[in-house]
Amino acid sequence: MAGAMCARLVQRSTRGLTLSPAAFTSPFQCRAHRLGPSDDELYQRTTVSIMQKEPGAGVMIHSYSPRGFTIDDNKVYGPCALLPPAILQWNVASHEDISEESVSLFHLLEPRIEILILGTGSQVERINPKVLALLRSKRIAVEVQDTANACATFNFMISERRMVAAGLIPPSLSRALEVQEE
């Protein structure tokens, strides 16, 4: 098609090559030409509709609340341990309950996880240094964050297909907007 277009624009004459009048009227030759609906393929946008989740993409945290989490259409009440593909109840009430025993399930996994993300509730809390030393000795990196950021980090790492696990404590109910009566 490009050859036919060029053949029409450049014509042979007895005096050499000359440009046909169509060369000056073609919108494709003008730099100032803006694409419009009549330009068909050049104008139309591409759209993508994801009909089915990619197999093996891992679990995703869709929401969290003071009661628990929604993970791939499963409601989990209270603290949970995400060990893809498993979702388990985690027997801790607060960041103070995170001990060597409570993280033992994370370092006993096979295949080994690269990183453990700990969500400590509404704000970032300090974790017992003995727990961090134990995980470091097992070559597991630890990221301690508030639960909101821990959920986002977990989803990001899972989307990159990293070997990641999470221990999440739901955030406490915020009372910042409540009106106090005197």
Protein backbone atom coordinates (compact mmCIF):
# COMPACT_ATOMS: atom_id res chain seq x y z
CA MET A 1 0.00 0.00 0.00
CA ALA A 2 2.84 2.39 0.83
CA GLY A 3 4.37 1.72 -2.59
CA ALA A 4 1.11 2.55 -4.36
CA MET A 5 0.76 5.78 -2.37
CA CYS A 6 4.29 6.85 -3.27
CA ALA A 7 3.71 5.95 -6.92
CA ARG A 8 0.68 8.25 -7.02
CA LEU A 9 2.50 11.14 -5.39
CA VAL A 10 5.60 11.00 -7.54
CA GLN A 11 4.95 10.74 -11.29
CA ARG A 12 7.38 10.41 -14.14
CA SER A 13 7.28 13.02 -16.80
CA THR A 14 9.39 13.75 -19.82
CA ARG A 15 11.29 16.36 -17.81
CA GLY A 16 12.10 14.00 -14.89
CA LEU A 17 10.24 13.38 -11.65
CA THR A 18 7.42 15.71 -10.65
CA LEU A 19 5.09 15.76 -7.66
CA SER A 20 1.43 15.21 -8.35
CA PRO A 21 -1.12 17.70 -6.96
CA ALA A 22 -2.29 14.95 -4.55
CA ALA A 23 1.03 15.30 -2.68
CA PHE A 24 -0.03 18.70 -1.40
CA THR A 25 -3.58 17.72 -0.46
CA SER A 26 -2.85 14.52 1.44
CA PRO A 27 -3.43 15.02 5.19
CA PHE A 28 -0.72 12.45 5.99
CA GLN A 29 1.98 14.66 4.48
CA CYS A 30 1.09 17.69 6.60
CA ARG A 31 2.69 17.84 10.07
CA ALA A 32 -0.13 19.95 11.48
CA HIS A 33 -2.77 17.35 10.70
CA ARG A 34 -4.58 16.12 13.81
CA LEU A 35 -6.00 12.63 13.86
CA GLY A 36 -9.77 12.44 13.89
CA PRO A 37 -12.47 9.77 13.82
CA SER A 38 -12.18 9.47 10.06
CA ASP A 39 -8.57 8.28 10.37
CA ASP A 40 -9.83 4.88 11.63
CA GLU A 41 -7.00 2.76 13.03
CA LEU A 42 -4.80 5.71 13.84
CA TYR A 43 -7.46 7.34 16.04
CA GLN A 44 -9.00 4.46 17.97
CA ARG A 45 -7.76 3.74 21.48
CA THR A 46 -6.87 0.26 22.67
CA THR A 47 -8.78 -1.08 25.67
CA VAL A 48 -8.10 -4.15 27.77
CA SER A 49 -10.66 -6.07 29.81
CA ILE A 50 -9.36 -8.60 32.30
CA MET A 51 -11.92 -11.35 32.39
CA GLN A 52 -10.13 -13.82 34.64
CA LYS A 53 -7.39 -13.46 37.22
CA GLU A 54 -4.06 -14.80 36.06
CA PRO A 55 -3.54 -18.31 37.44
CA GLY A 56 -0.90 -18.55 40.14
CA ALA A 57 -0.97 -14.79 40.84
CA GLY A 58 -1.26 -15.44 44.59
CA VAL A 59 -3.61 -14.16 47.25
CA MET A 60 -4.49 -10.47 47.33
CA ILE A 61 -5.72 -8.39 50.26
CA HIS A 62 -8.77 -6.48 49.05
CA SER A 63 -9.69 -4.62 52.26
CA TYR A 64 -9.09 -4.39 55.99
CA SER A 65 -11.04 -3.08 58.96
CA PRO A 66 -10.80 -3.19 62.77
CA ARG A 67 -12.59 -6.55 62.58
CA GLY A 68 -10.29 -8.23 60.07
CA PHE A 69 -9.46 -8.61 56.39
CA THR A 70 -11.02 -9.52 53.05
CA ILE A 71 -8.56 -11.71 51.19
CA ASP A 72 -9.62 -13.07 47.78
CA ASP A 73 -13.32 -12.99 48.75
CA ASN A 74 -12.61 -14.69 52.10
CA LYS A 75 -13.46 -12.84 55.30
CA VAL A 76 -10.82 -13.31 57.99
CA TYR A 77 -11.65 -12.05 61.48
CA GLY A 78 -8.82 -10.92 63.73
CA PRO A 79 -5.07 -11.27 63.15
CA CYS A 80 -4.02 -13.52 60.29
CA ALA A 81 -0.94 -15.11 58.79
CA LEU A 82 -0.74 -15.13 55.00
CA LEU A 83 1.42 -17.94 53.73
CA PRO A 84 0.46 -18.10 50.06
CA PRO A 85 -1.64 -19.93 49.15
CA ALA A 86 -2.80 -20.46 52.79
CA ILE A 87 -4.64 -17.97 55.00
CA LEU A 88 -4.40 -18.81 58.71
CA GLN A 89 -5.65 -17.29 61.96
CA TRP A 90 -2.65 -15.93 63.86
CA ASN A 91 -2.77 -16.26 67.63
CA VAL A 92 -1.53 -12.78 68.59
CA ALA A 93 -3.59 -9.96 70.07
CA SER A 94 -1.10 -7.11 69.66
CA HIS A 95 2.46 -6.41 68.59
CA GLU A 96 3.59 -7.32 72.12
CA ASP A 97 2.45 -10.91 71.55
CA ILE A 98 4.73 -11.40 68.53
CA SER A 99 7.32 -13.82 69.90
CA GLU A 100 9.80 -16.39 68.60
CA GLU A 101 7.10 -19.01 68.96
CA SER A 102 4.47 -17.01 67.04
CA VAL A 103 6.80 -16.46 64.05
CA SER A 104 8.03 -20.06 63.98
CA LEU A 105 5.47 -20.97 61.32
CA PHE A 106 7.08 -18.43 58.95
CA HIS A 107 10.59 -19.91 59.06
CA LEU A 108 9.43 -23.54 58.89
CA LEU A 109 7.94 -23.05 55.42
CA GLU A 110 9.27 -24.81 52.38
CA PRO A 111 10.05 -23.25 49.91
CA ARG A 112 11.59 -20.58 52.08
CA ILE A 113 10.16 -17.09 52.07
CA GLU A 114 12.35 -14.10 51.18
CA ILE A 115 10.57 -11.50 53.23
CA LEU A 116 8.09 -11.38 56.10
CA ILE A 117 5.85 -8.33 56.30
CA LEU A 118 4.47 -7.58 59.75
CA GLY A 119 1.47 -5.25 60.04
CA THR A 120 1.32 -4.03 63.63
CA GLY A 121 -2.07 -2.29 63.64
CA SER A 122 -2.84 1.42 63.35
CA GLN A 123 0.77 2.49 63.78
CA VAL A 124 4.26 1.09 63.45
CA GLU A 125 5.32 -0.61 66.69
CA ARG A 126 8.65 -2.01 67.86
CA ILE A 127 9.07 -5.76 67.61
CA ASN A 128 11.09 -7.73 70.17
CA PRO A 129 14.76 -7.70 69.01
CA LYS A 130 15.04 -11.45 69.76
CA VAL A 131 12.32 -12.14 67.19
CA LEU A 132 14.08 -10.03 64.57
CA ALA A 133 17.42 -11.74 65.32
CA LEU A 134 15.80 -15.19 64.95
CA LEU A 135 14.34 -14.31 61.54
CA ARG A 136 17.61 -12.76 60.42
CA SER A 137 19.48 -15.95 61.40
CA LYS A 138 17.03 -17.88 59.20
CA ARG A 139 17.80 -15.46 56.33
CA ILE A 140 14.34 -13.94 56.25
CA ALA A 141 14.12 -10.18 55.76
CA VAL A 142 11.52 -8.48 57.96
CA GLU A 143 9.51 -5.36 57.13
CA VAL A 144 7.56 -3.90 60.07
CA GLN A 145 4.83 -1.45 59.04
CA ASP A 146 1.42 -0.24 60.07
CA THR A 147 -1.28 -2.58 58.73
CA ALA A 148 -2.44 -0.30 55.92
CA ASN A 149 1.05 -0.07 54.41
CA ALA A 150 1.77 -3.74 55.14
CA CYS A 151 -1.29 -4.77 53.08
CA ALA A 152 -0.17 -2.61 50.15
CA THR A 153 3.41 -3.89 50.35
CA PHE A 154 2.22 -7.50 50.50
CA ASN A 155 0.01 -7.04 47.42
CA PHE A 156 2.88 -5.40 45.53
CA MET A 157 5.35 -8.17 46.40
CA ILE A 158 2.84 -10.89 45.49
CA SER A 159 2.19 -9.20 42.13
CA GLU A 160 5.94 -9.41 41.48
CA ARG A 161 5.75 -13.15 42.31
CA ARG A 162 8.16 -12.82 45.24
CA MET A 163 8.30 -15.42 48.01
CA VAL A 164 6.61 -13.33 50.69
CA ALA A 165 4.47 -13.95 53.77
CA ALA A 166 2.63 -11.58 56.09
CA GLY A 167 1.54 -11.45 59.69
CA LEU A 168 -1.23 -8.88 60.00
CA ILE A 169 -2.96 -7.39 63.05
CA PRO A 170 -6.12 -5.41 62.23
CA PRO A 171 -5.91 -1.68 62.95
CA SER A 172 -7.74 -0.44 66.01
CA LEU A 173 -10.98 1.49 65.64
CA SER A 174 -10.21 5.18 65.19
CA ARG A 175 -12.00 7.52 67.57
CA ALA A 176 -10.53 10.70 66.08
CA LEU A 177 -13.83 11.95 64.62
CA GLU A 178 -16.07 11.21 67.59
CA VAL A 179 -17.70 14.13 69.38
CA GLN A 180 -17.02 14.20 73.09
CA GLU A 181 -19.80 15.30 75.39
CA GLU A 182 -18.88 17.38 78.42
